[in-house]
Protein backbone atom coordinates (compact mmCIF):
# COMPACT_ATOMS: atom_id res chain seq x y z
CA UNK A 1 2.96 7.21 17.90
CA UNK A 2 3.69 3.50 17.58
CA UNK A 3 6.81 2.74 15.66
CA UNK A 4 6.24 -0.15 13.24
CA UNK A 5 8.64 -2.31 11.40
CA UNK A 6 8.41 -4.73 8.57
CA UNK A 7 10.28 -6.81 5.94
CA UNK A 8 10.00 -8.72 2.83
CA UNK A 9 9.59 -12.56 2.76
CA UNK A 10 13.34 -13.34 2.90
CA UNK A 11 14.31 -10.33 5.14
CA UNK A 12 16.80 -8.71 2.75
CA UNK A 13 14.73 -5.55 2.70
CA UNK A 14 13.58 -4.21 6.12
CA UNK A 15 11.78 -0.91 6.90
CA UNK A 16 10.62 1.29 9.80
CA UNK A 17 7.67 3.52 9.88
CA UNK A 18 8.10 6.70 12.05
CA UNK A 19 4.54 8.10 11.55
CA UNK A 20 1.01 6.90 11.91
CA UNK A 21 -0.62 5.87 8.64
CA UNK A 22 -2.99 8.46 7.20
CA UNK A 23 -5.44 5.79 6.14
CA UNK A 24 -5.48 2.01 5.62
CA UNK A 25 -7.65 0.44 2.84
CA UNK A 26 -8.04 -2.75 0.85
CA UNK A 27 -7.61 -2.20 -2.77
CA UNK A 28 -9.38 -4.22 -5.48
CA UNK A 29 -8.01 -2.63 -8.58
CA UNK A 30 -6.81 -5.11 -11.26
CA UNK A 31 -3.12 -4.52 -10.59
CA UNK A 32 -3.44 -5.21 -6.93
CA UNK A 33 -5.44 -8.37 -7.66
CA UNK A 34 -2.66 -9.50 -9.92
CA UNK A 35 0.04 -8.78 -7.28
CA UNK A 36 -1.77 -10.68 -4.56
CA UNK A 37 -4.29 -12.92 -6.26
CA UNK A 38 -6.77 -11.01 -4.08
CA UNK A 39 -7.25 -7.45 -2.80
CA UNK A 40 -4.25 -5.91 -1.13
CA UNK A 41 -4.37 -4.34 2.35
CA UNK A 42 -2.36 -1.13 2.25
CA UNK A 43 -1.47 1.80 4.58
CA UNK A 44 -0.74 5.32 3.24
CA UNK A 45 2.07 7.18 4.88
CA UNK A 46 4.20 10.26 4.15
CA UNK A 47 7.16 9.03 2.11
CA UNK A 48 9.60 10.83 4.49
CA UNK A 49 8.30 8.61 7.33
CA UNK A 50 9.56 5.37 5.82
CA UNK A 51 13.10 4.31 6.38
CA UNK A 52 14.23 1.34 4.12
CA UNK A 53 17.39 -0.67 4.48
CA UNK A 54 18.19 -3.06 1.59
CA UNK A 55 17.84 -2.41 -2.10
CA UNK A 56 14.56 -2.79 -3.86
CA UNK A 57 13.61 -3.32 -7.52
CA UNK A 58 10.95 -1.28 -9.21
CA UNK A 59 8.18 -1.86 -11.80
CA UNK A 60 6.47 1.26 -13.23
CA UNK A 61 3.08 1.02 -15.01
CA UNK A 62 0.12 3.19 -15.75
CA UNK A 63 -2.80 2.25 -13.44
CA UNK A 64 -6.50 2.19 -14.22
CA UNK A 65 -6.61 5.58 -12.61
CA UNK A 66 -4.26 6.99 -15.18
CA UNK A 67 -1.53 7.66 -12.67
CA UNK A 68 1.97 6.18 -13.04
CA UNK A 69 2.58 3.80 -10.15
CA UNK A 70 6.05 2.89 -9.12
CA UNK A 71 5.84 -0.52 -7.27
CA UNK A 72 8.88 -1.60 -5.22
CA UNK A 73 9.69 -5.15 -4.27
CA UNK A 74 12.49 -7.27 -3.00
CA UNK A 75 14.76 -8.34 -5.87
CA UNK A 76 15.57 -11.65 -4.15
CA UNK A 77 12.16 -13.04 -2.96
CA UNK A 78 9.90 -10.86 -5.07
CA UNK A 79 7.79 -9.68 -2.14
CA UNK A 80 5.83 -6.46 -2.97
CA UNK A 81 6.42 -3.76 -0.28
CA UNK A 82 5.70 -0.25 -1.47
CA UNK A 83 3.99 1.71 -4.16
CA UNK A 84 4.33 5.43 -5.11
CA UNK A 85 1.84 7.10 -7.49
CA UNK A 86 2.01 10.33 -9.44
CA UNK A 87 -1.57 10.80 -8.18
CA UNK A 88 -0.25 11.20 -4.51
CA UNK A 89 3.15 12.80 -4.47
CA UNK A 90 4.92 12.75 -1.05
CA UNK A 91 3.04 9.61 -0.03
CA UNK A 92 3.83 5.95 -0.14
CA UNK A 93 1.63 2.85 0.10
CA UNK A 94 3.02 0.08 2.48
CA UNK A 95 1.64 -3.41 2.10
CA UNK A 96 0.19 -4.24 5.52
CA UNK A 97 1.03 -7.94 5.25
CA UNK A 98 4.73 -7.04 5.21
CA UNK A 99 4.50 -5.47 8.71
CA UNK A 100 6.00 -7.45 11.55
CA UNK A 101 2.65 -7.01 13.24
CA UNK A 102 0.00 -6.27 10.56
CA UNK A 103 -2.84 -6.33 13.30
CA UNK A 104 -1.64 -2.85 14.48
CA UNK A 105 -3.18 -1.21 11.36
CA UNK A 106 -6.82 -1.76 10.46
CA UNK A 107 -8.25 -0.97 7.03
CA UNK A 108 -11.24 1.45 7.01
CA UNK A 109 -12.40 1.03 3.35
CA UNK A 110 -12.38 -1.08 0.21
CA UNK A 111 -11.37 0.94 -2.79
CA UNK A 112 -11.82 -0.01 -6.44
CA UNK A 113 -14.72 -2.18 -5.15
CA UNK A 114 -16.33 -2.10 -8.58
CA UNK A 115 -13.33 -4.17 -9.79
CA UNK A 116 -13.68 -6.78 -7.05
CA UNK A 117 -14.63 -10.25 -8.18
CA UNK A 118 -18.04 -11.74 -7.22
CA UNK A 119 -16.41 -14.06 -4.64
CA UNK A 120 -14.54 -11.16 -2.86
CA UNK A 121 -15.25 -10.99 0.81
CA UNK A 122 -15.94 -7.32 1.30
CA UNK A 123 -16.50 -6.47 5.11
CA UNK A 124 -19.93 -4.64 5.26
CA UNK A 125 -18.51 -2.44 8.07
CA UNK A 126 -16.02 -0.80 5.88
CA UNK A 127 -16.64 2.17 3.57
CA UNK A 128 -16.82 1.12 -0.15
CA UNK A 129 -15.34 3.40 -2.83
CA UNK A 130 -16.10 2.18 -6.34
CA UNK A 131 -12.91 3.58 -8.01
CA UNK A 132 -10.13 5.94 -7.06
CA UNK A 133 -10.45 7.74 -3.73
CA UNK A 134 -9.61 11.33 -3.47
CA UNK A 135 -5.82 12.14 -3.09
CA UNK A 136 -4.64 12.97 0.40
CA UNK A 137 -3.59 16.38 1.35
CA UNK A 138 0.14 17.24 1.03
CA UNK A 139 2.33 16.36 4.03
CA UNK A 140 3.19 19.42 6.24
CA UNK A 141 6.49 21.12 5.39
CA UNK A 142 9.26 20.49 7.86
């Protein structure tokens, strides 16, 4: 396993990942487009494998999927870092652009591709999922 680290834009919030991502995808849901002005590249990890230092703020909203999503961001610089969804308990999304070396994780799919704007550059080599992908399996008990 490769340990990965990351941070917000100002460095007030740092994190360490102690497990490999289960999957990495580019999300084109309307909320992600509003967060980034584009699709967001995300990795899904067991929540227990993410160690965070520094306080985050949170915004909770019902997503297009019907799930409640808790988005966590730096209260100082506003950088979006993590998201937790009622549709995938025990797992957390990490924004790949916040990794110290984002090239170490490669997305394998575009999700919510039906919501992507006409001008979106969707890599033909990546799987396309029109809406919400199936939820991951529960993390193994420790």
